[in-house]
PDB file of N, CA and C in Angstrom:
ATOM      1  N   MET A   1     144.416  98.485  92.012  1.00  0.00           N
ATOM      2  CA  MET A   1     143.623  98.171  90.840  1.00  0.00           C
ATOM      3  C   MET A   1     142.682  99.323  90.496  1.00  0.00           C
ATOM      4  N   ILE A   2     142.008  99.878  91.502  1.00  0.00           N
ATOM      5  CA  ILE A   2     141.096 100.993  91.267  1.00  0.00           C
ATOM      6  C   ILE A   2     141.869 102.205  90.768  1.00  0.00           C
ATOM      7  N   GLU A   3     143.066 102.431  91.319  1.00  0.00           N
ATOM      8  CA  GLU A   3     143.877 103.576  90.890  1.00  0.00           C
ATOM      9  C   GLU A   3     144.253 103.460  89.423  1.00  0.00           C
ATOM     10  N   MET A   4     144.590 102.255  88.985  1.00  0.00           N
ATOM     11  CA  MET A   4     144.951 102.043  87.585  1.00  0.00           C
ATOM     12  C   MET A   4     143.738 102.258  86.680  1.00  0.00           C
ATOM     13  N   LEU A   5     142.578 101.783  87.111  1.00  0.00           N
ATOM     14  CA  LEU A   5     141.350 101.979  86.335  1.00  0.00           C
ATOM     15  C   LEU A   5     141.021 103.464  86.204  1.00  0.00           C
ATOM     16  N   LEU A   6     141.145 104.206  87.309  1.00  0.00           N
ATOM     17  CA  LEU A   6     140.897 105.650  87.259  1.00  0.00           C
ATOM     18  C   LEU A   6     141.907 106.361  86.367  1.00  0.00           C
ATOM     19  N   ALA A   7     143.149 105.910  86.384  1.00  0.00           N
ATOM     20  CA  ALA A   7     144.173 106.514  85.522  1.00  0.00           C
ATOM     21  C   ALA A   7     143.847 106.278  84.051  1.00  0.00           C
ATOM     22  N   VAL A   8     143.383 105.074  83.724  1.00  0.00           N
ATOM     23  CA  VAL A   8     143.028 104.770  82.327  1.00  0.00           C
ATOM     24  C   VAL A   8     141.816 105.583  81.886  1.00  0.00           C
ATOM     25  N   VAL A   9     140.823 105.694  82.752  1.00  0.00           N
ATOM     26  CA  VAL A   9     139.627 106.489  82.417  1.00  0.00           C
ATOM     27  C   VAL A   9     140.015 107.960  82.230  1.00  0.00           C
ATOM     28  N   THR A  10     140.881 108.469  83.098  1.00  0.00           N
ATOM     29  CA  THR A  10     141.341 109.854  82.971  1.00  0.00           C
ATOM     30  C   THR A  10     142.123 110.053  81.679  1.00  0.00           C
ATOM     31  N   LEU A  11     142.940 109.081  81.328  1.00  0.00           N
ATOM     32  CA  LEU A  11     143.713 109.153  80.088  1.00  0.00           C
ATOM     33  C   LEU A  11     142.786 109.181  78.871  1.00  0.00           C
ATOM     34  N   ILE A  12     141.788 108.323  78.869  1.00  0.00           N
ATOM     35  CA  ILE A  12     140.833 108.283  77.761  1.00  0.00           C
ATOM     36  C   ILE A  12     140.070 109.599  77.664  1.00  0.00           C
ATOM     37  N   LEU A  13     139.646 110.129  78.800  1.00  0.00           N
ATOM     38  CA  LEU A  13     138.914 111.402  78.806  1.00  0.00           C
ATOM     39  C   LEU A  13     139.782 112.548  78.298  1.00  0.00           C
ATOM     40  N   SER A  14     141.039 112.577  78.707  1.00  0.00           N
ATOM     41  CA  SER A  14     141.905 113.660  78.253  1.00  0.00           C
ATOM     42  C   SER A  14     142.180 113.554  76.759  1.00  0.00           C
ATOM     43  N   LEU A  15     142.295 112.338  76.244  1.00  0.00           N
ATOM     44  CA  LEU A  15     142.481 112.180  74.801  1.00  0.00           C
ATOM     45  C   LEU A  15     141.216 112.547  74.036  1.00  0.00           C
ATOM     46  N   LEU A  16     140.066 112.252  74.603  1.00  0.00           N
ATOM     47  CA  LEU A  16     138.797 112.655  73.987  1.00  0.00           C
ATOM     48  C   LEU A  16     138.683 114.181  73.942  1.00  0.00           C
ATOM     49  N   LEU A  17     139.036 114.837  75.039  1.00  0.00           N
ATOM     50  CA  LEU A  17     139.001 116.301  75.068  1.00  0.00           C
ATOM     51  C   LEU A  17     140.039 116.900  74.121  1.00  0.00           C
ATOM     52  N   ALA A  18     141.174 116.239  73.971  1.00  0.00           N
ATOM     53  CA  ALA A  18     142.174 116.700  73.003  1.00  0.00           C
ATOM     54  C   ALA A  18     141.612 116.596  71.579  1.00  0.00           C
ATOM     55  N   GLY A  19     140.890 115.528  71.300  1.00  0.00           N
ATOM     56  CA  GLY A  19     140.263 115.373  69.982  1.00  0.00           C
ATOM     57  C   GLY A  19     139.226 116.450  69.715  1.00  0.00           C
ATOM     58  N   ILE A  20     138.420 116.755  70.715  1.00  0.00           N
ATOM     59  CA  ILE A  20     137.423 117.817  70.574  1.00  0.00           C
ATOM     60  C   ILE A  20     138.110 119.164  70.358  1.00  0.00           C
ATOM     61  N   SER A  21     139.193 119.400  71.078  1.00  0.00           N
ATOM     62  CA  SER A  21     139.939 120.651  70.912  1.00  0.00           C
ATOM     63  C   SER A  21     140.557 120.737  69.523  1.00  0.00           C
ATOM     64  N   TYR A  22     141.002 119.598  69.004  1.00  0.00           N
ATOM     65  CA  TYR A  22     141.571 119.578  67.655  1.00  0.00           C
ATOM     66  C   TYR A  22     140.522 119.952  66.611  1.00  0.00           C
ATOM     67  N   VAL A  23     139.337 119.379  66.755  1.00  0.00           N
ATOM     68  CA  VAL A  23     138.254 119.701  65.817  1.00  0.00           C
ATOM     69  C   VAL A  23     137.896 121.184  65.921  1.00  0.00           C
ATOM     70  N   ALA A  24     137.841 121.701  67.140  1.00  0.00           N
ATOM     71  CA  ALA A  24     137.528 123.123  67.336  1.00  0.00           C
ATOM     72  C   ALA A  24     138.603 124.006  66.719  1.00  0.00           C
ATOM     73  N   TYR A  25     139.862 123.604  66.864  1.00  0.00           N
ATOM     74  CA  TYR A  25     140.943 124.410  66.282  1.00  0.00           C
ATOM     75  C   TYR A  25     140.903 124.360  64.760  1.00  0.00           C
ATOM     76  N   LYS A  26     140.621 123.193  64.181  1.00  0.00           N
ATOM     77  CA  LYS A  26     140.569 123.085  62.719  1.00  0.00           C
ATOM     78  C   LYS A  26     139.437 123.932  62.134  1.00  0.00           C
ATOM     79  N   LYS A  27     138.330 124.043  62.867  1.00  0.00           N
ATOM     80  CA  LYS A  27     137.199 124.829  62.365  1.00  0.00           C
ATOM     81  C   LYS A  27     137.414 126.326  62.542  1.00  0.00           C
ATOM     82  N   SER A  28     138.016 126.714  63.684  1.00  0.00           N
ATOM     83  CA  SER A  28     138.069 128.143  64.006  1.00  0.00           C
ATOM     84  C   SER A  28     139.448 128.774  63.870  1.00  0.00           C
ATOM     85  N   HIS A  29     140.493 127.967  63.950  1.00  0.00           N
ATOM     86  CA  HIS A  29     141.883 128.452  63.944  1.00  0.00           C
ATOM     87  C   HIS A  29     142.140 129.495  65.037  1.00  0.00           C
ATOM     88  N   LEU A  30     141.443 129.341  66.153  1.00  0.00           N
ATOM     89  CA  LEU A  30     141.649 130.233  67.288  1.00  0.00           C
ATOM     90  C   LEU A  30     142.763 129.678  68.171  1.00  0.00           C
ATOM     91  N   ARG A  31     143.604 130.569  68.635  1.00  0.00           N
ATOM     92  CA  ARG A  31     144.743 130.172  69.451  1.00  0.00           C
ATOM     93  C   ARG A  31     144.349 129.487  70.763  1.00  0.00           C
ATOM     94  N   PRO A  32     143.279 129.946  71.449  1.00  0.00           N
ATOM     95  CA  PRO A  32     142.898 129.245  72.691  1.00  0.00           C
ATOM     96  C   PRO A  32     142.568 127.766  72.490  1.00  0.00           C
ATOM     97  N   ALA A  33     141.984 127.414  71.372  1.00  0.00           N
ATOM     98  CA  ALA A  33     141.695 126.005  71.098  1.00  0.00           C
ATOM     99  C   ALA A  33     142.991 125.213  70.918  1.00  0.00           C
ATOM    100  N   LEU A  34     143.994 125.840  70.328  1.00  0.00           N
ATOM    101  CA  LEU A  34     145.297 125.187  70.185  1.00  0.00           C
ATOM    102  C   LEU A  34     145.948 124.990  71.550  1.00  0.00           C
ATOM    103  N   TYR A  35     145.839 125.987  72.425  1.00  0.00           N
ATOM    104  CA  TYR A  35     146.382 125.856  73.781  1.00  0.00           C
ATOM    105  C   TYR A  35     145.693 124.723  74.533  1.00  0.00           C
ATOM    106  N   LEU A  36     144.387 124.614  74.367  1.00  0.00           N
ATOM    107  CA  LEU A  36     143.654 123.528  75.021  1.00  0.00           C
ATOM    108  C   LEU A  36     144.082 122.170  74.475  1.00  0.00           C
ATOM    109  N   LEU A  37     144.275 122.080  73.173  1.00  0.00           N
ATOM    110  CA  LEU A  37     144.723 120.839  72.556  1.00  0.00           C
ATOM    111  C   LEU A  37     146.063 120.400  73.139  1.00  0.00           C
ATOM    112  N   ILE A  38     147.000 121.315  73.209  1.00  0.00           N
ATOM    113  CA  ILE A  38     148.326 120.996  73.751  1.00  0.00           C
ATOM    114  C   ILE A  38     148.224 120.640  75.230  1.00  0.00           C
ATOM    115  N   ALA A  39     147.405 121.370  75.975  1.00  0.00           N
ATOM    116  CA  ALA A  39     147.254 121.108  77.411  1.00  0.00           C
ATOM    117  C   ALA A  39     146.686 119.709  77.652  1.00  0.00           C
ATOM    118  N   PHE A  40     145.667 119.316  76.909  1.00  0.00           N
ATOM    119  CA  PHE A  40     145.079 117.994  77.113  1.00  0.00           C
ATOM    120  C   PHE A  40     146.035 116.884  76.684  1.00  0.00           C
ATOM    121  N   LEU A  41     146.822 117.115  75.637  1.00  0.00           N
ATOM    122  CA  LEU A  41     147.817 116.116  75.239  1.00  0.00           C
ATOM    123  C   LEU A  41     148.909 115.973  76.293  1.00  0.00           C
ATOM    124  N   LEU A  42     149.338 117.089  76.857  1.00  0.00           N
ATOM    125  CA  LEU A  42     150.337 117.025  77.925  1.00  0.00           C
ATOM    126  C   LEU A  42     149.775 116.341  79.168  1.00  0.00           C
ATOM    127  N   PHE A  43     148.499 116.591  79.453  1.00  0.00           N
ATOM    128  CA  PHE A  43     147.872 115.931  80.589  1.00  0.00           C
ATOM    129  C   PHE A  43     147.794 114.421  80.355  1.00  0.00           C
ATOM    130  N   ALA A  44     147.498 114.022  79.123  1.00  0.00           N
ATOM    131  CA  ALA A  44     147.476 112.595  78.802  1.00  0.00           C
ATOM    132  C   ALA A  44     148.869 111.986  78.962  1.00  0.00           C
ATOM    133  N   LEU A  45     149.895 112.718  78.565  1.00  0.00           N
ATOM    134  CA  LEU A  45     151.267 112.243  78.741  1.00  0.00           C
ATOM    135  C   LEU A  45     151.594 112.082  80.222  1.00  0.00           C
ATOM    136  N   LYS A  46     151.184 113.056  81.029  1.00  0.00           N
ATOM    137  CA  LYS A  46     151.425 112.988  82.475  1.00  0.00           C
ATOM    138  C   LYS A  46     150.733 111.778  83.080  1.00  0.00           C
ATOM    139  N   LYS A  47     149.476 111.544  82.707  1.00  0.00           N
ATOM    140  CA  LYS A  47     148.745 110.402  83.247  1.00  0.00           C
ATOM    141  C   LYS A  47     149.363 109.085  82.783  1.00  0.00           C
ATOM    142  N   THR A  48     149.894 109.049  81.574  1.00  0.00           N
ATOM    143  CA  THR A  48     150.569 107.850  81.096  1.00  0.00           C
ATOM    144  C   THR A  48     151.808 107.567  81.938  1.00  0.00           C
ATOM    145  N   ILE A  49     152.580 108.599  82.206  1.00  0.00           N
ATOM    146  CA  ILE A  49     153.779 108.432  83.047  1.00  0.00           C
ATOM    147  C   ILE A  49     153.379 107.986  84.445  1.00  0.00           C
ATOM    148  N   ASP A  50     152.325 108.587  85.004  1.00  0.00           N
ATOM    149  CA  ASP A  50     151.840 108.182  86.326  1.00  0.00           C
ATOM    150  C   ASP A  50     151.393 106.716  86.336  1.00  0.00           C
ATOM    151  N   ALA A  51     150.677 106.303  85.292  1.00  0.00           N
ATOM    152  CA  ALA A  51     150.192 104.924  85.226  1.00  0.00           C
ATOM    153  C   ALA A  51     151.351 103.940  85.090  1.00  0.00           C
ATOM    154  N   LEU A  52     152.350 104.299  84.300  1.00  0.00           N
ATOM    155  CA  LEU A  52     153.511 103.427  84.156  1.00  0.00           C
ATOM    156  C   LEU A  52     154.306 103.340  85.455  1.00  0.00           C
ATOM    157  N   THR A  53     154.316 104.413  86.208  1.00  0.00           N
ATOM    158  CA  THR A  53     154.977 104.393  87.510  1.00  0.00           C
ATOM    159  C   THR A  53     154.205 103.513  88.486  1.00  0.00           C
ATOM    160  N   MET A  54     152.859 103.602  88.458  1.00  0.00           N
ATOM    161  CA  MET A  54     152.040 102.760  89.339  1.00  0.00           C
ATOM    162  C   MET A  54     152.224 101.282  89.002  1.00  0.00           C
ATOM    163  N   ALA A  55     152.363 100.981  87.703  1.00  0.00           N
ATOM    164  CA  ALA A  55     152.546  99.596  87.277  1.00  0.00           C
ATOM    165  C   ALA A  55     153.989  99.144  87.470  1.00  0.00           C
ATOM    166  N   GLN A  56     154.821 100.027  87.955  1.00  0.00           N
ATOM    167  CA  GLN A  56     156.229  99.787  88.239  1.00  0.00           C
ATOM    168  C   GLN A  56     157.029  99.419  86.991  1.00  0.00           C
ATOM    169  N   TRP A  57     156.617  99.945  85.853  1.00  0.00           N
ATOM    170  CA  TRP A  57     157.404  99.802  84.636  1.00  0.00           C
ATOM    171  C   TRP A  57     158.514 100.827  84.620  1.00  0.00           C
ATOM    172  N   ILE A  58     158.258 101.953  85.279  1.00  0.00           N
ATOM    173  CA  ILE A  58     159.282 102.986  85.420  1.00  0.00           C
ATOM    174  C   ILE A  58     159.796 102.900  86.849  1.00  0.00           C
ATOM    175  N   LYS A  59     161.076 102.649  86.980  1.00  0.00           N
ATOM    176  CA  LYS A  59     161.654 102.447  88.310  1.00  0.00           C
ATOM    177  C   LYS A  59     162.158 103.748  88.931  1.00  0.00           C
ATOM    178  N   ARG A  60     162.345 104.774  88.137  1.00  0.00           N
ATOM    179  CA  ARG A  60     162.897 106.032  88.634  1.00  0.00           C
ATOM    180  C   ARG A  60     161.818 106.924  89.220  1.00  0.00           C
ATOM    181  N   ASP A  61     162.270 107.890  90.005  1.00  0.00           N
ATOM    182  CA  ASP A  61     161.348 108.884  90.561  1.00  0.00           C
ATOM    183  C   ASP A  61     161.070 109.928  89.482  1.00  0.00           C
ATOM    184  N   VAL A  62     159.834 110.029  89.080  1.00  0.00           N
ATOM    185  CA  VAL A  62     159.448 110.954  88.015  1.00  0.00           C
ATOM    186  C   VAL A  62     158.592 112.086  88.558  1.00  0.00           C
ATOM    187  N   GLY A  63     158.668 112.318  89.858  1.00  0.00           N
ATOM    188  CA  GLY A  63     157.855 113.360  90.487  1.00  0.00           C
ATOM    189  C   GLY A  63     158.136 114.741  89.928  1.00  0.00           C
ATOM    190  N   GLY A  64     159.395 115.039  89.640  1.00  0.00           N
ATOM    191  CA  GLY A  64     159.754 116.344  89.080  1.00  0.00           C
ATOM    192  C   GLY A  64     159.197 116.544  87.683  1.00  0.00           C
ATOM    193  N   ILE A  65     159.242 115.492  86.896  1.00  0.00           N
ATOM    194  CA  ILE A  65     158.732 115.572  85.519  1.00  0.00           C
ATOM    195  C   ILE A  65     157.224 115.767  85.526  1.00  0.00           C
ATOM    196  N   THR A  66     156.523 114.986  86.344  1.00  0.00           N
ATOM    197  CA  THR A  66     155.064 115.111  86.376  1.00  0.00           C
ATOM    198  C   THR A  66     154.630 116.447  86.968  1.00  0.00           C
ATOM    199  N   ALA A  67     155.377 116.952  87.931  1.00  0.00           N
ATOM    200  CA  ALA A  67     155.048 118.271  88.500  1.00  0.00           C
ATOM    201  C   ALA A  67     155.238 119.362  87.452  1.00  0.00           C
ATOM    202  N   ALA A  68     156.305 119.259  86.663  1.00  0.00           N
ATOM    203  CA  ALA A  68     156.537 120.241  85.601  1.00  0.00           C
ATOM    204  C   ALA A  68     155.443 120.163  84.536  1.00  0.00           C
ATOM    205  N   LEU A  69     155.017 118.952  84.198  1.00  0.00           N
ATOM    206  CA  LEU A  69     153.936 118.800  83.222  1.00  0.00           C
ATOM    207  C   LEU A  69     152.635 119.386  83.751  1.00  0.00           C
ATOM    208  N   GLU A  70     152.342 119.181  85.040  1.00  0.00           N
ATOM    209  CA  GLU A  70     151.138 119.769  85.631  1.00  0.00           C
ATOM    210  C   GLU A  70     151.180 121.286  85.564  1.00  0.00           C
ATOM    211  N   MET A  71     152.343 121.858  85.874  1.00  0.00           N
ATOM    212  CA  MET A  71     152.486 123.308  85.834  1.00  0.00           C
ATOM    213  C   MET A  71     152.290 123.832  84.410  1.00  0.00           C
ATOM    214  N   LEU A  72     152.835 123.130  83.437  1.00  0.00           N
ATOM    215  CA  LEU A  72     152.693 123.535  82.037  1.00  0.00           C
ATOM    216  C   LEU A  72     151.240 123.426  81.582  1.00  0.00           C
ATOM    217  N   VAL A  73     150.554 122.382  82.000  1.00  0.00           N
ATOM    218  CA  VAL A  73     149.136 122.220  81.655  1.00  0.00           C
ATOM    219  C   VAL A  73     148.319 123.367  82.236  1.00  0.00           C
ATOM    220  N   LEU A  74     148.555 123.686  83.499  1.00  0.00           N
ATOM    221  CA  LEU A  74     147.816 124.785  84.123  1.00  0.00           C
ATOM    222  C   LEU A  74     148.117 126.118  83.454  1.00  0.00           C
ATOM    223  N   PHE A  75     149.363 126.332  83.058  1.00  0.00           N
ATOM    224  CA  PHE A  75     149.726 127.565  82.360  1.00  0.00           C
ATOM    225  C   PHE A  75     149.009 127.658  81.015  1.00  0.00           C
ATOM    226  N   LEU A  76     148.952 126.547  80.276  1.00  0.00           N
ATOM    227  CA  LEU A  76     148.256 126.553  78.987  1.00  0.00           C
ATOM    228  C   LEU A  76     146.752 126.754  79.161  1.00  0.00           C
ATOM    229  N   LEU A  77     146.183 126.184  80.216  1.00  0.00           N
ATOM    230  CA  LEU A  77     144.760 126.425  80.479  1.00  0.00           C
ATOM    231  C   LEU A  77     144.513 127.890  80.808  1.00  0.00           C
ATOM    232  N   LEU A  78     145.411 128.490  81.562  1.00  0.00           N
ATOM    233  CA  LEU A  78     145.299 129.918  81.866  1.00  0.00           C
ATOM    234  C   LEU A  78     145.384 130.744  80.590  1.00  0.00           C
ATOM    235  N   LEU A  79     146.303 130.401  79.704  1.00  0.00           N
ATOM    236  CA  LEU A  79     146.428 131.124  78.439  1.00  0.00           C
ATOM    237  C   LEU A  79     145.172 130.979  77.585  1.00  0.00           C
ATOM    238  N   SER A  80     144.553 129.817  77.623  1.00  0.00           N
ATOM    239  CA  SER A  80     143.375 129.619  76.782  1.00  0.00           C
ATOM    240  C   SER A  80     142.177 130.411  77.281  1.00  0.00           C
ATOM    241  N   PHE A  81     142.129 130.713  78.583  1.00  0.00           N
ATOM    242  CA  PHE A  81     141.014 131.483  79.127  1.00  0.00           C
ATOM    243  C   PHE A  81     141.299 132.969  79.220  1.00  0.00           C
ATOM    244  N   TRP A  82     142.515 133.379  78.962  1.00  0.00           N
ATOM    245  CA  TRP A  82     142.931 134.775  79.103  1.00  0.00           C
ATOM    246  C   TRP A  82     142.239 135.637  78.059  1.00  0.00           C
ATOM    247  N   LYS A  83     141.630 136.713  78.494  1.00  0.00           N
ATOM    248  CA  LYS A  83     140.982 137.637  77.545  1.00  0.00           C
ATOM    249  C   LYS A  83     142.003 138.668  77.097  1.00  0.00           C
ATOM    250  N   ARG A  84     142.010 138.912  75.841  1.00  0.00           N
ATOM    251  CA  ARG A  84     142.962 139.885  75.285  1.00  0.00           C
ATOM    252  C   ARG A  84     142.252 141.172  74.966  1.00  0.00           C
TER     253      ARG A  84
END
């Protein structure tokens, strides 16, 4: 029960950060803000898949998919902080 609550709170936080990144991108049109927006949306997708797996709505092993999403999120975060 606590794990599901933490997953929902994390999902809400990631969607909130995605919204903030969207507003920042619309105002500045800077590429790092777009990378952050995509990263937070992908993180929300990953947490949704994790929560559905915990609730046993998804019966398959999705460890590979969630690991790939984590790697993509970290790569996008790295791109957003990269100085050019």
